[in-house]
Amino acid sequence: MSADPNNVALGKAVVIFREACALTQGELAKRAKLSAGELSDIERGEVEARWGDLRRISAALKIQLPQLLSLEEKIADRQEWPPPDKRKQS
């Protein structure tokens, strides 16, 4: 089963902001009161992040939640889904 493209876009947005803040996954997870595994799953788009998690991640990154969601939307708009190598051949 493929990851949902919106979850993937959100995960990419988290990674972009985390790297811009020069934080490791472990550091951000600790600040956001998440396990490193939970944050990793969110960043890879493997899970649908809960609103509470997103609020804590945003606060840990010192950004507003709408900023995170805005970047997620921009990334999602640029994604091609499914990826070309995963499309069914006719």
Protein backbone atom coordinates (compact mmCIF):
# COMPACT_ATOMS: atom_id res chain seq x y z
CA MET A 1 0.00 0.00 0.00
CA SER A 2 1.36 3.41 -0.98
CA ALA A 3 1.56 6.34 1.39
CA ASP A 4 -1.11 9.02 0.94
CA PRO A 5 0.35 11.89 -1.12
CA ASN A 6 -0.93 14.49 1.36
CA ASN A 7 0.81 12.70 4.22
CA VAL A 8 4.00 12.57 2.16
CA ALA A 9 3.76 16.30 1.38
CA LEU A 10 3.19 17.13 5.05
CA GLY A 11 6.17 15.00 6.01
CA LYS A 12 8.36 16.81 3.50
CA ALA A 13 7.21 20.14 4.93
CA VAL A 14 8.17 19.02 8.45
CA VAL A 15 11.60 17.95 7.20
CA ILE A 16 12.17 21.28 5.41
CA PHE A 17 11.32 23.30 8.52
CA ARG A 18 13.26 20.94 10.81
CA GLU A 19 16.38 21.19 8.66
CA ALA A 20 15.98 24.99 8.41
CA CYS A 21 16.06 25.04 12.23
CA ALA A 22 19.15 22.79 12.21
CA LEU A 23 17.39 20.19 14.36
CA THR A 24 17.83 16.44 14.27
CA GLN A 25 14.79 14.18 14.28
CA GLY A 26 15.57 13.28 17.87
CA GLU A 27 15.77 16.93 18.95
CA LEU A 28 12.49 17.84 17.27
CA ALA A 29 10.77 14.73 18.59
CA LYS A 30 11.84 15.58 22.14
CA ARG A 31 10.68 19.20 21.82
CA ALA A 32 7.35 18.09 20.32
CA LYS A 33 6.87 15.36 22.94
CA LEU A 34 6.82 12.61 20.31
CA SER A 35 8.89 9.47 20.05
CA ALA A 36 11.59 9.52 17.39
CA GLY A 37 9.69 6.72 15.64
CA GLU A 38 6.46 8.72 15.56
CA LEU A 39 8.22 11.73 14.06
CA SER A 40 10.01 9.54 11.55
CA ASP A 41 6.68 8.02 10.47
CA ILE A 42 5.20 11.51 10.02
CA GLU A 43 8.21 12.73 8.04
CA ARG A 44 8.03 9.71 5.72
CA GLY A 45 4.28 10.16 5.23
CA GLU A 46 3.58 6.70 6.62
CA VAL A 47 0.91 7.93 9.05
CA GLU A 48 -1.71 10.63 9.13
CA ALA A 49 -0.48 13.07 11.76
CA ARG A 50 -2.94 14.02 14.49
CA TRP A 51 -3.77 17.69 14.96
CA GLY A 52 -2.25 17.69 18.43
CA ASP A 53 1.00 16.32 17.01
CA LEU A 54 1.03 18.99 14.31
CA ARG A 55 0.44 21.75 16.85
CA ARG A 56 3.31 20.48 19.01
CA ILE A 57 5.61 20.08 15.99
CA SER A 58 4.81 23.63 14.84
CA ALA A 59 5.42 25.02 18.33
CA ALA A 60 8.72 23.12 18.58
CA LEU A 61 9.76 24.59 15.23
CA LYS A 62 8.65 28.06 16.41
CA ILE A 63 6.30 28.47 13.48
CA GLN A 64 2.54 28.81 13.19
CA LEU A 65 0.59 25.72 12.15
CA PRO A 66 -0.79 27.54 9.05
CA GLN A 67 2.81 28.03 7.86
CA LEU A 68 3.39 24.28 8.00
CA LEU A 69 0.12 23.53 6.25
CA SER A 70 0.77 26.17 3.59
CA LEU A 71 4.09 24.58 2.68
CA GLU A 72 2.43 21.14 2.70
CA GLU A 73 -0.15 22.41 0.21
CA LYS A 74 2.53 23.85 -2.09
CA ILE A 75 4.44 20.57 -2.04
CA ALA A 76 1.26 18.54 -2.64
CA ASP A 77 0.36 20.71 -5.63
CA ARG A 78 3.73 19.91 -7.22
CA GLN A 79 3.62 16.17 -6.60
CA GLU A 80 2.70 13.81 -9.35
CA TRP A 81 0.63 10.94 -7.96
CA PRO A 82 1.10 8.13 -8.33
CA PRO A 83 4.76 8.47 -9.23
CA PRO A 84 5.49 7.54 -12.86
CA ASP A 85 7.25 4.31 -11.87
CA LYS A 86 4.19 3.15 -9.87
CA ARG A 87 1.54 3.74 -12.54
CA LYS A 88 -0.19 0.80 -14.12
CA GLN A 89 0.90 0.20 -17.66
CA SER A 90 -1.94 -0.07 -20.19
